Structures are given as structure tokens and as C-alpha cells.
Amino acid sequence: MENQNQPPVQEIKIADNLAGGEYANAMQVAHTKDEVLLTFFNIISPSGRVCAKIITSPGHLKRMIAALNENLKRYEEKFGLVEASESPKESIGFKV
């Protein structure tokens, strides 16, 4: 849906360090009333690293979840049922 208050996007640029993408196998979610923070990790035991942090609004998060659900549905129709991965056995987070 197009926002009536903003002109349409003419061009989208990508930073050189993002062009190749990042692999994430873990995610942490935190939120306030106005924002949702998604932190993506690449965990290779015994350590890991943060590979991306996304801050968005609850409304945009809801649209992202709908888009992800629709794409997962199409993927499963084409390739078969996807089983959820197991949760990590250890706690993921920063140690102080």
C-alpha cells in the first residue's frame, strides 16, 4: 500500500558491506511501546557475533510477519513442510 504523504521510491541503494548478505542462525527480540528491536546472531559454538540489528515499529513488524508467513506458505507448497529448528540449549546473550 502506497503512503499518500510520501513520494514513491525512485531508487534503493545498498551499502557495499551489506551486498553479500549475512547468515544468521539465532535471533533475539526486545521491544518498547513504540519500537521492536531484532538482533540477529551467527552462533558457532563456543562463540558468536551479532551480524545485524533492526529497529522497527510494531506496525511494520506486523507487516513483515505477514510477508514472512505468506512466503513460508509458498515455499512449503513448492518444496514441502518445513520443520522448526530446535531452540539453542544454552542461553544466548551478552555476558557481563
PDB file of N, CA and C in Angstrom:
ATOM      1  N   MET A   1       0.834  -1.166   0.000  1.00  0.00           N
ATOM      2  CA  MET A   1       0.000   0.000   0.000  1.00  0.00           C
ATOM      3  C   MET A   1       0.887   1.240   0.000  1.00  0.00           C
ATOM      4  N   GLU A   2       0.596   2.156  -0.868  1.00  0.00           N
ATOM      5  CA  GLU A   2       1.395   3.362  -1.004  1.00  0.00           C
ATOM      6  C   GLU A   2       0.976   4.398   0.023  1.00  0.00           C
ATOM      7  N   ASN A   3       1.956   5.046   0.632  1.00  0.00           N
ATOM      8  CA  ASN A   3       1.688   6.106   1.589  1.00  0.00           C
ATOM      9  C   ASN A   3       1.401   7.387   0.819  1.00  0.00           C
ATOM     10  N   GLN A   4       0.252   7.997   1.047  1.00  0.00           N
ATOM     11  CA  GLN A   4      -0.156   9.193   0.321  1.00  0.00           C
ATOM     12  C   GLN A   4       0.712  10.408   0.645  1.00  0.00           C
ATOM     13  N   ASN A   5       1.393  10.409   1.796  1.00  0.00           N
ATOM     14  CA  ASN A   5       2.171  11.565   2.223  1.00  0.00           C
ATOM     15  C   ASN A   5       3.607  11.544   1.722  1.00  0.00           C
ATOM     16  N   GLN A   6       4.049  10.459   1.126  1.00  0.00           N
ATOM     17  CA  GLN A   6       5.433  10.356   0.675  1.00  0.00           C
ATOM     18  C   GLN A   6       5.481  10.062  -0.815  1.00  0.00           C
ATOM     19  N   PRO A   7       6.461  10.649  -1.509  1.00  0.00           N
ATOM     20  CA  PRO A   7       6.605  10.325  -2.934  1.00  0.00           C
ATOM     21  C   PRO A   7       7.071   8.881  -3.100  1.00  0.00           C
ATOM     22  N   PRO A   8       6.780   8.256  -4.242  1.00  0.00           N
ATOM     23  CA  PRO A   8       7.232   6.871  -4.445  1.00  0.00           C
ATOM     24  C   PRO A   8       8.759   6.795  -4.475  1.00  0.00           C
ATOM     25  N   VAL A   9       9.303   5.659  -4.029  1.00  0.00           N
ATOM     26  CA  VAL A   9      10.747   5.446  -4.016  1.00  0.00           C
ATOM     27  C   VAL A   9      11.233   5.302  -5.451  1.00  0.00           C
ATOM     28  N   GLN A  10      12.248   6.072  -5.801  1.00  0.00           N
ATOM     29  CA  GLN A  10      12.806   6.030  -7.148  1.00  0.00           C
ATOM     30  C   GLN A  10      13.975   5.057  -7.266  1.00  0.00           C
ATOM     31  N   GLU A  11      14.749   4.947  -6.182  1.00  0.00           N
ATOM     32  CA  GLU A  11      15.952   4.129  -6.224  1.00  0.00           C
ATOM     33  C   GLU A  11      16.275   3.639  -4.816  1.00  0.00           C
ATOM     34  N   ILE A  12      16.688   2.391  -4.708  1.00  0.00           N
ATOM     35  CA  ILE A  12      17.128   1.830  -3.429  1.00  0.00           C
ATOM     36  C   ILE A  12      18.590   1.449  -3.577  1.00  0.00           C
ATOM     37  N   LYS A  13      19.428   1.954  -2.698  1.00  0.00           N
ATOM     38  CA  LYS A  13      20.860   1.657  -2.723  1.00  0.00           C
ATOM     39  C   LYS A  13      21.184   0.688  -1.601  1.00  0.00           C
ATOM     40  N   ILE A  14      22.255  -0.067  -1.770  1.00  0.00           N
ATOM     41  CA  ILE A  14      22.716  -0.995  -0.734  1.00  0.00           C
ATOM     42  C   ILE A  14      24.182  -0.716  -0.443  1.00  0.00           C
ATOM     43  N   ALA A  15      24.519  -0.653   0.824  1.00  0.00           N
ATOM     44  CA  ALA A  15      25.909  -0.418   1.222  1.00  0.00           C
ATOM     45  C   ALA A  15      26.778  -1.593   0.795  1.00  0.00           C
ATOM     46  N   ASP A  16      28.019  -1.307   0.447  1.00  0.00           N
ATOM     47  CA  ASP A  16      28.937  -2.353  -0.015  1.00  0.00           C
ATOM     48  C   ASP A  16      29.081  -3.494   0.994  1.00  0.00           C
ATOM     49  N   ASN A  17      29.084  -3.158   2.293  1.00  0.00           N
ATOM     50  CA  ASN A  17      29.278  -4.209   3.299  1.00  0.00           C
ATOM     51  C   ASN A  17      28.032  -5.073   3.484  1.00  0.00           C
ATOM     52  N   LEU A  18      26.900  -4.695   2.890  1.00  0.00           N
ATOM     53  CA  LEU A  18      25.673  -5.492   3.002  1.00  0.00           C
ATOM     54  C   LEU A  18      25.348  -6.278   1.735  1.00  0.00           C
ATOM     55  N   ALA A  19      26.030  -5.990   0.658  1.00  0.00           N
ATOM     56  CA  ALA A  19      25.685  -6.569  -0.638  1.00  0.00           C
ATOM     57  C   ALA A  19      25.711  -8.095  -0.652  1.00  0.00           C
ATOM     58  N   GLY A  20      26.621  -8.707   0.102  1.00  0.00           N
ATOM     59  CA  GLY A  20      26.732 -10.157   0.098  1.00  0.00           C
ATOM     60  C   GLY A  20      25.792 -10.858   1.054  1.00  0.00           C
ATOM     61  N   GLY A  21      25.159 -10.122   1.948  1.00  0.00           N
ATOM     62  CA  GLY A  21      24.253 -10.719   2.919  1.00  0.00           C
ATOM     63  C   GLY A  21      25.013 -11.308   4.099  1.00  0.00           C
ATOM     64  N   GLU A  22      24.275 -11.671   5.115  1.00  0.00           N
ATOM     65  CA  GLU A  22      24.824 -12.268   6.331  1.00  0.00           C
ATOM     66  C   GLU A  22      24.000 -13.486   6.697  1.00  0.00           C
ATOM     67  N   TYR A  23      24.643 -14.524   7.192  1.00  0.00           N
ATOM     68  CA  TYR A  23      23.945 -15.716   7.668  1.00  0.00           C
ATOM     69  C   TYR A  23      23.665 -15.555   9.147  1.00  0.00           C
ATOM     70  N   ALA A  24      22.421 -15.753   9.547  1.00  0.00           N
ATOM     71  CA  ALA A  24      22.051 -15.702  10.957  1.00  0.00           C
ATOM     72  C   ALA A  24      21.358 -17.003  11.325  1.00  0.00           C
ATOM     73  N   ASN A  25      21.740 -17.576  12.464  1.00  0.00           N
ATOM     74  CA  ASN A  25      21.089 -18.796  12.922  1.00  0.00           C
ATOM     75  C   ASN A  25      20.469 -18.629  14.304  1.00  0.00           C
ATOM     76  N   ALA A  26      20.397 -17.373  14.776  1.00  0.00           N
ATOM     77  CA  ALA A  26      19.739 -17.081  16.046  1.00  0.00           C
ATOM     78  C   ALA A  26      19.248 -15.637  16.004  1.00  0.00           C
ATOM     79  N   MET A  27      18.223 -15.365  16.808  1.00  0.00           N
ATOM     80  CA  MET A  27      17.652 -14.023  16.852  1.00  0.00           C
ATOM     81  C   MET A  27      17.147 -13.749  18.253  1.00  0.00           C
ATOM     82  N   GLN A  28      17.283 -12.510  18.671  1.00  0.00           N
ATOM     83  CA  GLN A  28      16.769 -12.066  19.958  1.00  0.00           C
ATOM     84  C   GLN A  28      15.813 -10.904  19.679  1.00  0.00           C
ATOM     85  N   VAL A  29      14.696 -10.845  20.399  1.00  0.00           N
ATOM     86  CA  VAL A  29      13.701  -9.799  20.191  1.00  0.00           C
ATOM     87  C   VAL A  29      13.479  -9.049  21.498  1.00  0.00           C
ATOM     88  N   ALA A  30      13.459  -7.728  21.406  1.00  0.00           N
ATOM     89  CA  ALA A  30      13.130  -6.883  22.552  1.00  0.00           C
ATOM     90  C   ALA A  30      12.202  -5.784  22.038  1.00  0.00           C
ATOM     91  N   HIS A  31      11.440  -5.175  22.938  1.00  0.00           N
ATOM     92  CA  HIS A  31      10.527  -4.134  22.473  1.00  0.00           C
ATOM     93  C   HIS A  31      10.225  -3.113  23.555  1.00  0.00           C
ATOM     94  N   THR A  32       9.828  -1.938  23.093  1.00  0.00           N
ATOM     95  CA  THR A  32       9.233  -0.908  23.930  1.00  0.00           C
ATOM     96  C   THR A  32       7.840  -0.684  23.348  1.00  0.00           C
ATOM     97  N   LYS A  33       7.116   0.263  23.875  1.00  0.00           N
ATOM     98  CA  LYS A  33       5.779   0.551  23.337  1.00  0.00           C
ATOM     99  C   LYS A  33       5.850   0.980  21.874  1.00  0.00           C
ATOM    100  N   ASP A  34       6.912   1.692  21.493  1.00  0.00           N
ATOM    101  CA  ASP A  34       6.990   2.287  20.160  1.00  0.00           C
ATOM    102  C   ASP A  34       7.922   1.586  19.188  1.00  0.00           C
ATOM    103  N   GLU A  35       8.805   0.710  19.674  1.00  0.00           N
ATOM    104  CA  GLU A  35       9.802   0.099  18.798  1.00  0.00           C
ATOM    105  C   GLU A  35      10.002  -1.380  19.116  1.00  0.00           C
ATOM    106  N   VAL A  36      10.407  -2.101  18.088  1.00  0.00           N
ATOM    107  CA  VAL A  36      10.785  -3.510  18.236  1.00  0.00           C
ATOM    108  C   VAL A  36      12.231  -3.622  17.748  1.00  0.00           C
ATOM    109  N   LEU A  37      13.082  -4.258  18.546  1.00  0.00           N
ATOM    110  CA  LEU A  37      14.490  -4.448  18.191  1.00  0.00           C
ATOM    111  C   LEU A  37      14.723  -5.926  17.906  1.00  0.00           C
ATOM    112  N   LEU A  38      15.168  -6.228  16.706  1.00  0.00           N
ATOM    113  CA  LEU A  38      15.520  -7.588  16.296  1.00  0.00           C
ATOM    114  C   LEU A  38      17.040  -7.641  16.184  1.00  0.00           C
ATOM    115  N   THR A  39      17.674  -8.508  16.954  1.00  0.00           N
ATOM    116  CA  THR A  39      19.126  -8.668  16.894  1.00  0.00           C
ATOM    117  C   THR A  39      19.403 -10.067  16.349  1.00  0.00           C
ATOM    118  N   PHE A  40      20.134 -10.134  15.242  1.00  0.00           N
ATOM    119  CA  PHE A  40      20.447 -11.400  14.588  1.00  0.00           C
ATOM    120  C   PHE A  40      21.887 -11.787  14.896  1.00  0.00           C
ATOM    121  N   PHE A  41      22.100 -13.082  15.169  1.00  0.00           N
ATOM    122  CA  PHE A  41      23.407 -13.604  15.544  1.00  0.00           C
ATOM    123  C   PHE A  41      23.833 -14.700  14.578  1.00  0.00           C
ATOM    124  N   ASN A  42      25.135 -14.859  14.444  1.00  0.00           N
ATOM    125  CA  ASN A  42      25.726 -16.015  13.794  1.00  0.00           C
ATOM    126  C   ASN A  42      26.484 -16.727  14.901  1.00  0.00           C
ATOM    127  N   ILE A  43      25.925 -17.827  15.398  1.00  0.00           N
ATOM    128  CA  ILE A  43      26.487 -18.565  16.526  1.00  0.00           C
ATOM    129  C   ILE A  43      27.224 -19.798  16.009  1.00  0.00           C
ATOM    130  N   ILE A  44      28.496 -19.852  16.307  1.00  0.00           N
ATOM    131  CA  ILE A  44      29.296 -21.055  16.043  1.00  0.00           C
ATOM    132  C   ILE A  44      29.985 -21.356  17.359  1.00  0.00           C
ATOM    133  N   SER A  45      29.514 -22.398  18.035  1.00  0.00           N
ATOM    134  CA  SER A  45      29.971 -22.709  19.379  1.00  0.00           C
ATOM    135  C   SER A  45      31.486 -22.771  19.424  1.00  0.00           C
ATOM    136  N   PRO A  46      32.117 -22.225  20.400  1.00  0.00           N
ATOM    137  CA  PRO A  46      31.610 -21.692  21.657  1.00  0.00           C
ATOM    138  C   PRO A  46      31.359 -20.183  21.630  1.00  0.00           C
ATOM    139  N   SER A  47      31.384 -19.550  20.468  1.00  0.00           N
ATOM    140  CA  SER A  47      31.189 -18.104  20.434  1.00  0.00           C
ATOM    141  C   SER A  47      30.251 -17.731  19.292  1.00  0.00           C
ATOM    142  N   GLY A  48      30.024 -16.452  19.148  1.00  0.00           N
ATOM    143  CA  GLY A  48      29.172 -15.975  18.079  1.00  0.00           C
ATOM    144  C   GLY A  48      29.375 -14.491  17.903  1.00  0.00           C
ATOM    145  N   ARG A  49      28.650 -13.918  16.953  1.00  0.00           N
ATOM    146  CA  ARG A  49      28.750 -12.487  16.736  1.00  0.00           C
ATOM    147  C   ARG A  49      27.412 -11.946  16.275  1.00  0.00           C
ATOM    148  N   VAL A  50      27.161 -10.694  16.599  1.00  0.00           N
ATOM    149  CA  VAL A  50      25.964 -10.014  16.103  1.00  0.00           C
ATOM    150  C   VAL A  50      26.221  -9.694  14.642  1.00  0.00           C
ATOM    151  N   CYS A  51      25.315 -10.085  13.769  1.00  0.00           N
ATOM    152  CA  CYS A  51      25.506  -9.795  12.351  1.00  0.00           C
ATOM    153  C   CYS A  51      24.528  -8.760  11.828  1.00  0.00           C
ATOM    154  N   ALA A  52      23.476  -8.426  12.602  1.00  0.00           N
ATOM    155  CA  ALA A  52      22.556  -7.363  12.177  1.00  0.00           C
ATOM    156  C   ALA A  52      21.660  -6.972  13.333  1.00  0.00           C
ATOM    157  N   LYS A  53      21.269  -5.707  13.345  1.00  0.00           N
ATOM    158  CA  LYS A  53      20.288  -5.209  14.307  1.00  0.00           C
ATOM    159  C   LYS A  53      19.281  -4.385  13.514  1.00  0.00           C
ATOM    160  N   ILE A  54      18.014  -4.681  13.701  1.00  0.00           N
ATOM    161  CA  ILE A  54      16.940  -3.979  13.011  1.00  0.00           C
ATOM    162  C   ILE A  54      16.027  -3.373  14.065  1.00  0.00           C
ATOM    163  N   ILE A  55      15.755  -2.087  13.952  1.00  0.00           N
ATOM    164  CA  ILE A  55      14.799  -1.416  14.829  1.00  0.00           C
ATOM    165  C   ILE A  55      13.642  -0.980  13.944  1.00  0.00           C
ATOM    166  N   THR A  56      12.431  -1.366  14.316  1.00  0.00           N
ATOM    167  CA  THR A  56      11.258  -1.043  13.510  1.00  0.00           C
ATOM    168  C   THR A  56      10.067  -0.754  14.412  1.00  0.00           C
ATOM    169  N   SER A  57       8.975  -0.350  13.816  1.00  0.00           N
ATOM    170  CA  SER A  57       7.765  -0.079  14.591  1.00  0.00           C
ATOM    171  C   SER A  57       6.938  -1.363  14.699  1.00  0.00           C
ATOM    172  N   PRO A  58       6.068  -1.447  15.707  1.00  0.00           N
ATOM    173  CA  PRO A  58       5.202  -2.622  15.821  1.00  0.00           C
ATOM    174  C   PRO A  58       4.345  -2.834  14.561  1.00  0.00           C
ATOM    175  N   GLY A  59       3.872  -1.758  13.959  1.00  0.00           N
ATOM    176  CA  GLY A  59       3.068  -1.890  12.740  1.00  0.00           C
ATOM    177  C   GLY A  59       3.852  -2.462  11.570  1.00  0.00           C
ATOM    178  N   HIS A  60       5.093  -2.009  11.398  1.00  0.00           N
ATOM    179  CA  HIS A  60       5.929  -2.564  10.332  1.00  0.00           C
ATOM    180  C   HIS A  60       6.282  -4.015  10.629  1.00  0.00           C
ATOM    181  N   LEU A  61       6.513  -4.344  11.905  1.00  0.00           N
ATOM    182  CA  LEU A  61       6.797  -5.727  12.277  1.00  0.00           C
ATOM    183  C   LEU A  61       5.634  -6.638  11.891  1.00  0.00           C
ATOM    184  N   LYS A  62       4.425  -6.169  12.132  1.00  0.00           N
ATOM    185  CA  LYS A  62       3.252  -6.975  11.793  1.00  0.00           C
ATOM    186  C   LYS A  62       3.182  -7.231  10.287  1.00  0.00           C
ATOM    187  N   ARG A  63       3.506  -6.217   9.479  1.00  0.00           N
ATOM    188  CA  ARG A  63       3.539  -6.390   8.019  1.00  0.00           C
ATOM    189  C   ARG A  63       4.641  -7.365   7.610  1.00  0.00           C
ATOM    190  N   MET A  64       5.811  -7.291   8.286  1.00  0.00           N
ATOM    191  CA  MET A  64       6.911  -8.215   7.975  1.00  0.00           C
ATOM    192  C   MET A  64       6.514  -9.652   8.291  1.00  0.00           C
ATOM    193  N   ILE A  65       5.852  -9.847   9.444  1.00  0.00           N
ATOM    194  CA  ILE A  65       5.424 -11.196   9.833  1.00  0.00           C
ATOM    195  C   ILE A  65       4.439 -11.746   8.809  1.00  0.00           C
ATOM    196  N   ALA A  66       3.512 -10.921   8.344  1.00  0.00           N
ATOM    197  CA  ALA A  66       2.543 -11.359   7.327  1.00  0.00           C
ATOM    198  C   ALA A  66       3.269 -11.756   6.038  1.00  0.00           C
ATOM    199  N   ALA A  67       4.258 -10.953   5.629  1.00  0.00           N
ATOM    200  CA  ALA A  67       5.022 -11.267   4.416  1.00  0.00           C
ATOM    201  C   ALA A  67       5.824 -12.556   4.595  1.00  0.00           C
ATOM    202  N   LEU A  68       6.438 -12.745   5.757  1.00  0.00           N
ATOM    203  CA  LEU A  68       7.186 -13.977   6.021  1.00  0.00           C
ATOM    204  C   LEU A  68       6.269 -15.192   6.025  1.00  0.00           C
ATOM    205  N   ASN A  69       5.093 -15.077   6.651  1.00  0.00           N
ATOM    206  CA  ASN A  69       4.136 -16.188   6.665  1.00  0.00           C
ATOM    207  C   ASN A  69       3.691 -16.553   5.255  1.00  0.00           C
ATOM    208  N   GLU A  70       3.409 -15.547   4.440  1.00  0.00           N
ATOM    209  CA  GLU A  70       2.978 -15.800   3.053  1.00  0.00           C
ATOM    210  C   GLU A  70       4.093 -16.491   2.263  1.00  0.00           C
ATOM    211  N   ASN A  71       5.317 -16.032   2.431  1.00  0.00           N
ATOM    212  CA  ASN A  71       6.428 -16.644   1.707  1.00  0.00           C
ATOM    213  C   ASN A  71       6.725 -18.051   2.201  1.00  0.00           C
ATOM    214  N   LEU A  72       6.599 -18.300   3.500  1.00  0.00           N
ATOM    215  CA  LEU A  72       6.789 -19.655   4.022  1.00  0.00           C
ATOM    216  C   LEU A  72       5.710 -20.586   3.462  1.00  0.00           C
ATOM    217  N   LYS A  73       4.486 -20.110   3.390  1.00  0.00           N
ATOM    218  CA  LYS A  73       3.389 -20.902   2.824  1.00  0.00           C
ATOM    219  C   LYS A  73       3.703 -21.288   1.374  1.00  0.00           C
ATOM    220  N   ARG A  74       4.152 -20.316   0.574  1.00  0.00           N
ATOM    221  CA  ARG A  74       4.501 -20.602  -0.830  1.00  0.00           C
ATOM    222  C   ARG A  74       5.680 -21.575  -0.920  1.00  0.00           C
ATOM    223  N   TYR A  75       6.674 -21.392  -0.053  1.00  0.00           N
ATOM    224  CA  TYR A  75       7.838 -22.277  -0.038  1.00  0.00           C
ATOM    225  C   TYR A  75       7.406 -23.713   0.243  1.00  0.00           C
ATOM    226  N   GLU A  76       6.548 -23.886   1.285  1.00  0.00           N
ATOM    227  CA  GLU A  76       6.103 -25.236   1.652  1.00  0.00           C
ATOM    228  C   GLU A  76       5.228 -25.856   0.572  1.00  0.00           C
ATOM    229  N   GLU A  77       4.458 -25.060  -0.135  1.00  0.00           N
ATOM    230  CA  GLU A  77       3.661 -25.591  -1.249  1.00  0.00           C
ATOM    231  C   GLU A  77       4.566 -26.128  -2.348  1.00  0.00           C
ATOM    232  N   LYS A  78       5.699 -25.485  -2.549  1.00  0.00           N
ATOM    233  CA  LYS A  78       6.620 -25.889  -3.611  1.00  0.00           C
ATOM    234  C   LYS A  78       7.587 -26.990  -3.186  1.00  0.00           C
ATOM    235  N   PHE A  79       8.115 -26.907  -1.943  1.00  0.00           N
ATOM    236  CA  PHE A  79       9.185 -27.801  -1.523  1.00  0.00           C
ATOM    237  C   PHE A  79       8.821 -28.752  -0.393  1.00  0.00           C
ATOM    238  N   GLY A  80       7.655 -28.603   0.220  1.00  0.00           N
ATOM    239  CA  GLY A  80       7.268 -29.481   1.314  1.00  0.00           C
ATOM    240  C   GLY A  80       7.378 -28.798   2.668  1.00  0.00           C
ATOM    241  N   LEU A  81       6.808 -29.459   3.667  1.00  0.00           N
ATOM    242  CA  LEU A  81       6.726 -28.922   5.021  1.00  0.00           C
ATOM    243  C   LEU A  81       8.100 -28.650   5.618  1.00  0.00           C
ATOM    244  N   VAL A  82       8.241 -27.506   6.272  1.00  0.00           N
ATOM    245  CA  VAL A  82       9.475 -27.130   6.963  1.00  0.00           C
ATOM    246  C   VAL A  82       9.276 -27.372   8.450  1.00  0.00           C
ATOM    247  N   GLU A  83      10.185 -28.116   9.050  1.00  0.00           N
ATOM    248  CA  GLU A  83      10.151 -28.355  10.491  1.00  0.00           C
ATOM    249  C   GLU A  83      10.943 -27.247  11.182  1.00  0.00           C
ATOM    250  N   ALA A  84      10.443 -26.743  12.297  1.00  0.00           N
ATOM    251  CA  ALA A  84      11.154 -25.717  13.059  1.00  0.00           C
ATOM    252  C   ALA A  84      12.437 -26.294  13.634  1.00  0.00           C
ATOM    253  N   SER A  85      13.499 -25.503  13.622  1.00  0.00           N
ATOM    254  CA  SER A  85      14.768 -25.908  14.227  1.00  0.00           C
ATOM    255  C   SER A  85      14.619 -25.914  15.740  1.00  0.00           C
ATOM    256  N   GLU A  86      15.456 -26.708  16.394  1.00  0.00           N
ATOM    257  CA  GLU A  86      15.452 -26.736  17.857  1.00  0.00           C
ATOM    258  C   GLU A  86      15.960 -25.417  18.406  1.00  0.00           C
ATOM    259  N   SER A  87      15.447 -25.037  19.564  1.00  0.00           N
ATOM    260  CA  SER A  87      15.969 -23.863  20.258  1.00  0.00           C
ATOM    261  C   SER A  87      17.348 -24.183  20.787  1.00  0.00           C
ATOM    262  N   PRO A  88      18.204 -23.158  20.908  1.00  0.00           N
ATOM    263  CA  PRO A  88      19.540 -23.413  21.467  1.00  0.00           C
ATOM    264  C   PRO A  88      19.437 -23.973  22.875  1.00  0.00           C
ATOM    265  N   LYS A  89      20.323 -24.891  23.216  1.00  0.00           N
ATOM    266  CA  LYS A  89      20.326 -25.493  24.538  1.00  0.00           C
ATOM    267  C   LYS A  89      20.885 -24.526  25.587  1.00  0.00           C
ATOM    268  N   GLU A  90      21.776 -23.635  25.123  1.00  0.00           N
ATOM    269  CA  GLU A  90      22.387 -22.664  26.033  1.00  0.00           C
ATOM    270  C   GLU A  90      21.750 -21.313  25.843  1.00  0.00           C
ATOM    271  N   SER A  91      21.874 -20.483  26.852  1.00  0.00           N
ATOM    272  CA  SER A  91      21.386 -19.110  26.777  1.00  0.00           C
ATOM    273  C   SER A  91      22.247 -18.330  25.787  1.00  0.00           C
ATOM    274  N   ILE A  92      21.582 -17.499  24.984  1.00  0.00           N
ATOM    275  CA  ILE A  92      22.295 -16.644  24.042  1.00  0.00           C
ATOM    276  C   ILE A  92      22.194 -15.225  24.554  1.00  0.00           C
ATOM    277  N   GLY A  93      23.285 -14.542  24.594  1.00  0.00           N
ATOM    278  CA  GLY A  93      23.260 -13.158  25.035  1.00  0.00           C
ATOM    279  C   GLY A  93      24.651 -12.687  25.415  1.00  0.00           C
ATOM    280  N   PHE A  94      24.705 -11.452  25.821  1.00  0.00           N
ATOM    281  CA  PHE A  94      25.986 -10.875  26.219  1.00  0.00           C
ATOM    282  C   PHE A  94      26.246 -11.189  27.678  1.00  0.00           C
ATOM    283  N   LYS A  95      27.464 -11.597  27.958  1.00  0.00           N
ATOM    284  CA  LYS A  95      27.837 -11.880  29.336  1.00  0.00           C
ATOM    285  C   LYS A  95      28.621 -10.686  29.864  1.00  0.00           C
ATOM    286  N   VAL A  96      28.300 -10.282  31.084  1.00  0.00           N
ATOM    287  CA  VAL A  96      28.995  -9.142  31.691  1.00  0.00           C
ATOM    288  C   VAL A  96      30.021  -9.600  32.686  1.00  0.00           C
TER     289      VAL A  96
END
